[in-house]
């Protein structure tokens, strides 16, 4: 189990209250699909993903990005049981969708970049450290079924 300090808990709460889930989710997933084009294979039913403009304007990418952010919100609300929160998603991604677990880390890194760009100067080194710790725990929880 991961230990969370009061500072980390309040920082995550504050962070999730400040960001626009729709924007961050859409931007992060779209950037992931553009920068790491092999990740597109998991989204075959999303339609036109042929170039960056098509990906940025794709409604299914935006909707799934929002779903990702809502999942992260659930994890932030359940810091003491993130692995339990993501048990079903871990099984789904490993057994049905066959997602390479390395892709979770790629998306987590891009989420960090997008959040940093949104928050600007208020995205301090301390906030970044908390977000990256949180996302590392989420990535581990999503990869649990693979181990």
N, C-alpha and C. Protein backbone atom coordinates (compact mmCIF):
# COMPACT_ATOMS: atom_id res chain seq x y z
N UNK A 1 0.84 -1.18 0.00
CA UNK A 1 0.00 0.00 0.00
C UNK A 1 0.89 1.25 0.00
N UNK A 2 0.45 2.24 -0.70
CA UNK A 2 1.18 3.50 -0.80
C UNK A 2 0.73 4.41 0.32
N UNK A 3 1.69 5.07 0.92
CA UNK A 3 1.39 6.05 1.96
C UNK A 3 1.26 7.43 1.31
N UNK A 4 0.24 8.16 1.71
CA UNK A 4 -0.01 9.51 1.20
C UNK A 4 0.04 10.49 2.35
N UNK A 5 0.84 11.52 2.20
CA UNK A 5 0.91 12.56 3.23
C UNK A 5 -0.31 13.48 3.09
N UNK A 6 -0.55 14.26 4.12
CA UNK A 6 -1.64 15.24 4.04
C UNK A 6 -1.40 16.23 2.90
N UNK A 7 -0.15 16.62 2.70
CA UNK A 7 0.18 17.53 1.60
C UNK A 7 -0.17 16.90 0.26
N UNK A 8 0.18 15.64 0.07
CA UNK A 8 -0.11 14.96 -1.19
C UNK A 8 -1.61 14.84 -1.42
N UNK A 9 -2.33 14.48 -0.37
CA UNK A 9 -3.79 14.36 -0.49
C UNK A 9 -4.43 15.71 -0.87
N UNK A 10 -4.02 16.75 -0.19
CA UNK A 10 -4.62 18.07 -0.47
C UNK A 10 -4.18 18.58 -1.84
N UNK A 11 -2.96 18.29 -2.23
CA UNK A 11 -2.48 18.71 -3.55
C UNK A 11 -3.28 18.02 -4.65
N UNK A 12 -3.52 16.74 -4.52
CA UNK A 12 -4.31 16.02 -5.53
C UNK A 12 -5.74 16.54 -5.57
N UNK A 13 -6.32 16.77 -4.39
CA UNK A 13 -7.69 17.30 -4.34
C UNK A 13 -7.74 18.66 -5.04
N UNK A 14 -6.79 19.51 -4.74
CA UNK A 14 -6.72 20.84 -5.32
C UNK A 14 -6.49 20.75 -6.84
N UNK A 15 -5.61 19.89 -7.24
CA UNK A 15 -5.30 19.71 -8.66
C UNK A 15 -6.53 19.29 -9.45
N UNK A 16 -7.23 18.29 -8.95
CA UNK A 16 -8.41 17.79 -9.67
C UNK A 16 -9.57 18.79 -9.64
N UNK A 17 -9.56 19.70 -8.69
CA UNK A 17 -10.62 20.72 -8.67
C UNK A 17 -10.34 21.84 -9.66
N UNK A 18 -9.09 21.98 -10.10
CA UNK A 18 -8.70 23.07 -10.99
C UNK A 18 -8.76 22.73 -12.47
N UNK A 19 -8.62 21.47 -12.82
CA UNK A 19 -8.47 21.14 -14.23
C UNK A 19 -9.81 20.82 -14.89
N UNK A 20 -9.86 21.13 -16.17
CA UNK A 20 -11.02 20.83 -17.00
C UNK A 20 -10.82 19.43 -17.57
N UNK A 21 -11.57 18.47 -17.07
CA UNK A 21 -11.40 17.07 -17.46
C UNK A 21 -11.55 16.86 -18.96
N UNK A 22 -12.54 17.52 -19.54
CA UNK A 22 -12.77 17.36 -20.98
C UNK A 22 -11.56 17.81 -21.78
N UNK A 23 -11.03 18.97 -21.45
CA UNK A 23 -9.90 19.50 -22.20
C UNK A 23 -8.65 18.66 -21.97
N UNK A 24 -8.31 18.40 -20.72
CA UNK A 24 -7.09 17.65 -20.41
C UNK A 24 -7.18 16.24 -20.98
N UNK A 25 -8.31 15.58 -20.82
CA UNK A 25 -8.46 14.22 -21.33
C UNK A 25 -8.33 14.15 -22.84
N UNK A 26 -9.00 15.06 -23.54
CA UNK A 26 -8.95 15.07 -25.00
C UNK A 26 -7.54 15.38 -25.48
N UNK A 27 -6.93 16.40 -24.90
CA UNK A 27 -5.57 16.79 -25.30
C UNK A 27 -4.56 15.67 -25.04
N UNK A 28 -4.65 15.06 -23.88
CA UNK A 28 -3.69 14.01 -23.53
C UNK A 28 -3.83 12.80 -24.44
N UNK A 29 -5.05 12.32 -24.62
CA UNK A 29 -5.23 11.14 -25.47
C UNK A 29 -4.87 11.45 -26.91
N UNK A 30 -5.28 12.61 -27.41
CA UNK A 30 -4.94 12.98 -28.78
C UNK A 30 -3.42 13.06 -28.96
N UNK A 31 -2.74 13.68 -28.03
CA UNK A 31 -1.28 13.78 -28.13
C UNK A 31 -0.64 12.39 -28.09
N UNK A 32 -1.16 11.52 -27.26
CA UNK A 32 -0.63 10.16 -27.18
C UNK A 32 -0.78 9.46 -28.53
N UNK A 33 -1.93 9.59 -29.15
CA UNK A 33 -2.18 8.93 -30.43
C UNK A 33 -1.33 9.52 -31.55
N UNK A 34 -0.99 10.78 -31.46
CA UNK A 34 -0.15 11.43 -32.48
C UNK A 34 1.32 11.10 -32.25
N UNK A 35 1.78 11.27 -31.03
CA UNK A 35 3.20 11.08 -30.73
C UNK A 35 3.60 9.61 -30.75
N UNK A 36 2.70 8.74 -30.34
CA UNK A 36 2.95 7.30 -30.32
C UNK A 36 1.90 6.62 -31.20
N UNK A 37 2.06 6.69 -32.52
CA UNK A 37 1.02 6.23 -33.43
C UNK A 37 0.64 4.76 -33.29
N UNK A 38 1.54 3.93 -32.76
CA UNK A 38 1.20 2.52 -32.57
C UNK A 38 0.06 2.33 -31.56
N UNK A 39 -0.18 3.34 -30.72
CA UNK A 39 -1.28 3.22 -29.76
C UNK A 39 -2.64 3.30 -30.45
N UNK A 40 -2.67 3.76 -31.68
CA UNK A 40 -3.93 3.88 -32.42
C UNK A 40 -4.58 2.52 -32.65
N UNK A 41 -3.80 1.45 -32.64
CA UNK A 41 -4.36 0.12 -32.92
C UNK A 41 -5.43 -0.30 -31.92
N UNK A 42 -5.43 0.31 -30.75
CA UNK A 42 -6.44 -0.04 -29.74
C UNK A 42 -7.74 0.73 -29.94
N UNK A 43 -7.76 1.64 -30.90
CA UNK A 43 -8.92 2.49 -31.11
C UNK A 43 -9.43 2.36 -32.54
N UNK A 44 -9.46 1.15 -33.05
CA UNK A 44 -9.86 0.89 -34.43
C UNK A 44 -11.27 1.33 -34.75
N UNK A 45 -12.13 1.37 -33.76
CA UNK A 45 -13.52 1.78 -34.01
C UNK A 45 -13.74 3.28 -33.81
N UNK A 46 -12.66 4.04 -33.69
CA UNK A 46 -12.77 5.49 -33.48
C UNK A 46 -12.86 6.26 -34.79
N UNK A 47 -12.77 5.57 -35.91
CA UNK A 47 -12.88 6.26 -37.20
C UNK A 47 -11.56 6.86 -37.64
N UNK A 48 -11.63 8.05 -38.22
CA UNK A 48 -10.49 8.70 -38.84
C UNK A 48 -9.45 9.15 -37.82
N UNK A 49 -8.33 8.44 -37.83
CA UNK A 49 -7.17 8.79 -37.01
C UNK A 49 -5.94 8.93 -37.90
N UNK A 50 -6.16 9.42 -39.13
CA UNK A 50 -5.11 9.41 -40.14
C UNK A 50 -4.06 10.50 -39.98
N UNK A 51 -4.39 11.57 -39.27
CA UNK A 51 -3.41 12.64 -39.08
C UNK A 51 -3.75 13.39 -37.79
N UNK A 52 -2.87 14.29 -37.41
CA UNK A 52 -3.03 15.00 -36.14
C UNK A 52 -4.34 15.80 -36.09
N UNK A 53 -4.69 16.45 -37.18
CA UNK A 53 -5.93 17.25 -37.19
C UNK A 53 -7.16 16.36 -37.01
N UNK A 54 -7.16 15.21 -37.67
CA UNK A 54 -8.29 14.30 -37.54
C UNK A 54 -8.40 13.76 -36.12
N UNK A 55 -7.27 13.45 -35.52
CA UNK A 55 -7.26 12.94 -34.15
C UNK A 55 -7.75 14.01 -33.18
N UNK A 56 -7.24 15.24 -33.34
CA UNK A 56 -7.65 16.35 -32.46
C UNK A 56 -9.15 16.62 -32.54
N UNK A 57 -9.72 16.44 -33.72
CA UNK A 57 -11.14 16.73 -33.89
C UNK A 57 -12.05 15.54 -33.72
N UNK A 58 -11.52 14.40 -33.35
CA UNK A 58 -12.31 13.17 -33.25
C UNK A 58 -13.11 13.15 -31.95
N UNK A 59 -14.43 13.07 -32.08
CA UNK A 59 -15.32 13.09 -30.91
C UNK A 59 -15.11 11.87 -30.01
N UNK A 60 -14.78 10.72 -30.58
CA UNK A 60 -14.56 9.52 -29.77
C UNK A 60 -13.27 9.63 -28.95
N UNK A 61 -12.26 10.29 -29.51
CA UNK A 61 -11.03 10.53 -28.76
C UNK A 61 -11.34 11.43 -27.57
N UNK A 62 -12.11 12.49 -27.82
CA UNK A 62 -12.48 13.42 -26.75
C UNK A 62 -13.28 12.69 -25.66
N UNK A 63 -14.23 11.87 -26.07
CA UNK A 63 -15.07 11.15 -25.10
C UNK A 63 -14.25 10.17 -24.27
N UNK A 64 -13.34 9.46 -24.92
CA UNK A 64 -12.53 8.51 -24.17
C UNK A 64 -11.53 9.23 -23.25
N UNK A 65 -11.03 10.36 -23.70
CA UNK A 65 -10.15 11.16 -22.84
C UNK A 65 -10.86 11.60 -21.58
N UNK A 66 -12.13 11.98 -21.72
CA UNK A 66 -12.93 12.35 -20.55
C UNK A 66 -13.12 11.14 -19.64
N UNK A 67 -13.35 9.98 -20.22
CA UNK A 67 -13.49 8.75 -19.43
C UNK A 67 -12.22 8.47 -18.63
N UNK A 68 -11.07 8.66 -19.26
CA UNK A 68 -9.79 8.46 -18.57
C UNK A 68 -9.70 9.41 -17.38
N UNK A 69 -10.03 10.67 -17.60
CA UNK A 69 -9.92 11.65 -16.51
C UNK A 69 -10.90 11.36 -15.38
N UNK A 70 -12.08 10.90 -15.71
CA UNK A 70 -13.04 10.52 -14.66
C UNK A 70 -12.53 9.32 -13.87
N UNK A 71 -11.85 8.41 -14.55
CA UNK A 71 -11.23 7.29 -13.86
C UNK A 71 -10.15 7.75 -12.90
N UNK A 72 -9.37 8.73 -13.35
CA UNK A 72 -8.33 9.27 -12.46
C UNK A 72 -8.96 9.99 -11.27
N UNK A 73 -10.08 10.66 -11.51
CA UNK A 73 -10.79 11.32 -10.41
C UNK A 73 -11.22 10.28 -9.38
N UNK A 74 -11.73 9.14 -9.84
CA UNK A 74 -12.14 8.07 -8.92
C UNK A 74 -10.94 7.57 -8.11
N UNK A 75 -9.81 7.43 -8.77
CA UNK A 75 -8.61 7.00 -8.06
C UNK A 75 -8.20 8.02 -7.01
N UNK A 76 -8.29 9.30 -7.37
CA UNK A 76 -7.92 10.36 -6.42
C UNK A 76 -8.85 10.37 -5.21
N UNK A 77 -10.09 9.95 -5.40
CA UNK A 77 -11.04 9.89 -4.29
C UNK A 77 -10.84 8.62 -3.45
N UNK A 78 -10.12 7.66 -4.00
CA UNK A 78 -9.89 6.38 -3.32
C UNK A 78 -8.39 6.10 -3.20
N UNK A 79 -7.65 7.08 -2.72
CA UNK A 79 -6.19 6.96 -2.66
C UNK A 79 -5.70 5.74 -1.89
N UNK A 80 -6.47 5.30 -0.93
CA UNK A 80 -6.04 4.18 -0.11
C UNK A 80 -6.35 2.82 -0.73
N UNK A 81 -7.04 2.81 -1.89
CA UNK A 81 -7.34 1.56 -2.58
C UNK A 81 -7.39 1.76 -4.09
N UNK A 82 -6.34 2.32 -4.63
CA UNK A 82 -6.30 2.55 -6.08
C UNK A 82 -6.29 1.23 -6.83
N UNK A 83 -5.56 0.25 -6.32
CA UNK A 83 -5.54 -1.05 -7.00
C UNK A 83 -6.93 -1.68 -7.03
N UNK A 84 -7.65 -1.57 -5.95
CA UNK A 84 -9.02 -2.09 -5.94
C UNK A 84 -9.92 -1.31 -6.88
N UNK A 85 -9.72 -0.03 -6.95
CA UNK A 85 -10.51 0.82 -7.83
C UNK A 85 -10.34 0.41 -9.28
N UNK A 86 -9.14 -0.03 -9.66
CA UNK A 86 -8.85 -0.35 -11.05
C UNK A 86 -8.77 -1.84 -11.35
N UNK A 87 -9.23 -2.69 -10.45
CA UNK A 87 -9.15 -4.14 -10.69
C UNK A 87 -9.87 -4.54 -11.97
N UNK A 88 -11.11 -4.10 -12.14
CA UNK A 88 -11.87 -4.48 -13.33
C UNK A 88 -11.26 -3.90 -14.60
N UNK A 89 -10.77 -2.67 -14.53
CA UNK A 89 -10.13 -2.06 -15.70
C UNK A 89 -8.84 -2.78 -16.06
N UNK A 90 -8.11 -3.24 -15.07
CA UNK A 90 -6.88 -3.98 -15.33
C UNK A 90 -7.20 -5.27 -16.07
N UNK A 91 -8.21 -5.98 -15.63
CA UNK A 91 -8.62 -7.22 -16.29
C UNK A 91 -9.08 -6.92 -17.72
N UNK A 92 -9.91 -5.91 -17.88
CA UNK A 92 -10.41 -5.54 -19.21
C UNK A 92 -9.26 -5.23 -20.17
N UNK A 93 -8.34 -4.38 -19.73
CA UNK A 93 -7.25 -3.96 -20.60
C UNK A 93 -6.27 -5.10 -20.90
N UNK A 94 -6.08 -6.01 -19.96
CA UNK A 94 -5.12 -7.09 -20.19
C UNK A 94 -5.74 -8.27 -20.93
N UNK A 95 -6.94 -8.67 -20.56
CA UNK A 95 -7.50 -9.90 -21.09
C UNK A 95 -8.39 -9.71 -22.31
N UNK A 96 -9.11 -8.61 -22.38
CA UNK A 96 -10.01 -8.41 -23.52
C UNK A 96 -9.40 -7.49 -24.57
N UNK A 97 -8.84 -6.37 -24.13
CA UNK A 97 -8.33 -5.38 -25.08
C UNK A 97 -6.88 -5.64 -25.47
N UNK A 98 -6.17 -6.43 -24.67
CA UNK A 98 -4.77 -6.77 -24.92
C UNK A 98 -3.89 -5.53 -25.11
N UNK A 99 -4.08 -4.56 -24.25
CA UNK A 99 -3.30 -3.32 -24.31
C UNK A 99 -1.92 -3.57 -23.72
N UNK A 100 -0.91 -3.12 -24.42
CA UNK A 100 0.46 -3.20 -23.91
C UNK A 100 0.52 -2.29 -22.68
N UNK A 101 0.88 -2.82 -21.51
CA UNK A 101 0.86 -2.01 -20.29
C UNK A 101 1.84 -0.82 -20.33
N UNK A 102 2.82 -0.86 -21.20
CA UNK A 102 3.73 0.28 -21.34
C UNK A 102 3.02 1.53 -21.82
N UNK A 103 1.90 1.34 -22.50
CA UNK A 103 1.14 2.48 -23.00
C UNK A 103 0.50 3.29 -21.88
N UNK A 104 0.25 2.66 -20.74
CA UNK A 104 -0.31 3.40 -19.60
C UNK A 104 0.70 4.46 -19.13
N UNK A 105 1.97 4.09 -19.10
CA UNK A 105 3.03 5.02 -18.69
C UNK A 105 3.15 6.16 -19.69
N UNK A 106 3.06 5.85 -20.97
CA UNK A 106 3.13 6.90 -22.00
C UNK A 106 2.01 7.92 -21.80
N UNK A 107 0.80 7.43 -21.60
CA UNK A 107 -0.34 8.34 -21.41
C UNK A 107 -0.19 9.13 -20.11
N UNK A 108 0.30 8.50 -19.07
CA UNK A 108 0.50 9.20 -17.80
C UNK A 108 1.49 10.34 -17.97
N UNK A 109 2.56 10.10 -18.70
CA UNK A 109 3.53 11.16 -18.94
C UNK A 109 2.91 12.32 -19.71
N UNK A 110 2.10 12.01 -20.69
CA UNK A 110 1.46 13.06 -21.47
C UNK A 110 0.42 13.81 -20.64
N UNK A 111 -0.28 13.12 -19.77
CA UNK A 111 -1.22 13.80 -18.87
C UNK A 111 -0.46 14.82 -18.02
N UNK A 112 0.70 14.42 -17.53
CA UNK A 112 1.52 15.35 -16.74
C UNK A 112 1.87 16.59 -17.56
N UNK A 113 2.26 16.40 -18.80
CA UNK A 113 2.62 17.52 -19.67
C UNK A 113 1.43 18.44 -19.91
N UNK A 114 0.27 17.86 -20.19
CA UNK A 114 -0.92 18.67 -20.46
C UNK A 114 -1.35 19.43 -19.21
N UNK A 115 -1.35 18.77 -18.07
CA UNK A 115 -1.71 19.44 -16.82
C UNK A 115 -0.74 20.59 -16.55
N UNK A 116 0.54 20.36 -16.78
CA UNK A 116 1.54 21.42 -16.59
C UNK A 116 1.27 22.60 -17.50
N UNK A 117 0.89 22.32 -18.74
CA UNK A 117 0.62 23.42 -19.67
C UNK A 117 -0.63 24.20 -19.28
N UNK A 118 -1.59 23.53 -18.67
CA UNK A 118 -2.83 24.18 -18.25
C UNK A 118 -2.60 25.02 -16.99
N UNK A 119 -1.86 24.48 -16.04
CA UNK A 119 -1.69 25.16 -14.76
C UNK A 119 -0.59 26.21 -14.76
N UNK A 120 0.31 26.13 -15.70
CA UNK A 120 1.36 27.14 -15.81
C UNK A 120 2.22 27.22 -14.55
N UNK A 121 2.42 28.43 -14.05
CA UNK A 121 3.31 28.67 -12.91
C UNK A 121 2.86 27.97 -11.63
N UNK A 122 1.57 27.66 -11.51
CA UNK A 122 1.11 26.98 -10.30
C UNK A 122 1.46 25.48 -10.31
N UNK A 123 1.98 25.00 -11.44
CA UNK A 123 2.45 23.61 -11.52
C UNK A 123 3.91 23.58 -11.09
N UNK A 124 4.10 23.63 -9.78
CA UNK A 124 5.43 23.66 -9.19
C UNK A 124 6.07 22.27 -9.20
N UNK A 125 7.31 22.22 -8.85
CA UNK A 125 8.02 20.94 -8.77
C UNK A 125 7.34 20.02 -7.75
N UNK A 126 6.84 20.60 -6.66
CA UNK A 126 6.15 19.79 -5.63
C UNK A 126 4.85 19.21 -6.17
N UNK A 127 4.10 20.00 -6.91
CA UNK A 127 2.85 19.52 -7.51
C UNK A 127 3.16 18.43 -8.54
N UNK A 128 4.18 18.65 -9.33
CA UNK A 128 4.57 17.66 -10.32
C UNK A 128 4.94 16.34 -9.66
N UNK A 129 5.68 16.40 -8.58
CA UNK A 129 6.09 15.18 -7.88
C UNK A 129 4.88 14.41 -7.37
N UNK A 130 3.91 15.13 -6.82
CA UNK A 130 2.69 14.48 -6.31
C UNK A 130 1.91 13.85 -7.46
N UNK A 131 1.74 14.59 -8.56
CA UNK A 131 1.00 14.06 -9.70
C UNK A 131 1.70 12.83 -10.27
N UNK A 132 3.01 12.89 -10.40
CA UNK A 132 3.72 11.75 -10.95
C UNK A 132 3.68 10.54 -10.03
N UNK A 133 3.72 10.76 -8.73
CA UNK A 133 3.57 9.65 -7.78
C UNK A 133 2.20 9.02 -7.95
N UNK A 134 1.18 9.85 -8.00
CA UNK A 134 -0.20 9.38 -8.17
C UNK A 134 -0.34 8.59 -9.47
N UNK A 135 0.14 9.15 -10.57
CA UNK A 135 0.01 8.47 -11.86
C UNK A 135 0.81 7.17 -11.90
N UNK A 136 1.93 7.12 -11.20
CA UNK A 136 2.71 5.89 -11.12
C UNK A 136 1.93 4.79 -10.40
N UNK A 137 1.22 5.17 -9.36
CA UNK A 137 0.39 4.20 -8.64
C UNK A 137 -0.76 3.73 -9.52
N UNK A 138 -1.35 4.64 -10.27
CA UNK A 138 -2.43 4.28 -11.20
C UNK A 138 -1.91 3.32 -12.27
N UNK A 139 -0.77 3.65 -12.86
CA UNK A 139 -0.18 2.79 -13.89
C UNK A 139 0.10 1.40 -13.32
N UNK A 140 0.61 1.34 -12.11
CA UNK A 140 0.86 0.06 -11.46
C UNK A 140 -0.43 -0.72 -11.26
N UNK A 141 -1.47 -0.01 -10.83
CA UNK A 141 -2.77 -0.67 -10.60
C UNK A 141 -3.35 -1.20 -11.91
N UNK A 142 -3.23 -0.44 -12.97
CA UNK A 142 -3.75 -0.89 -14.27
C UNK A 142 -2.95 -2.07 -14.80
N UNK A 143 -1.68 -2.14 -14.44
CA UNK A 143 -0.84 -3.23 -14.89
C UNK A 143 -0.87 -4.45 -13.99
N UNK A 144 -1.63 -4.39 -12.92
CA UNK A 144 -1.65 -5.47 -11.93
C UNK A 144 -1.99 -6.82 -12.55
N UNK A 145 -2.96 -6.87 -13.44
CA UNK A 145 -3.40 -8.12 -14.04
C UNK A 145 -2.32 -8.74 -14.93
N UNK A 146 -1.40 -7.95 -15.39
CA UNK A 146 -0.36 -8.43 -16.28
C UNK A 146 0.72 -9.22 -15.54
N UNK A 147 0.83 -9.01 -14.22
CA UNK A 147 1.92 -9.62 -13.45
C UNK A 147 1.56 -11.02 -13.01
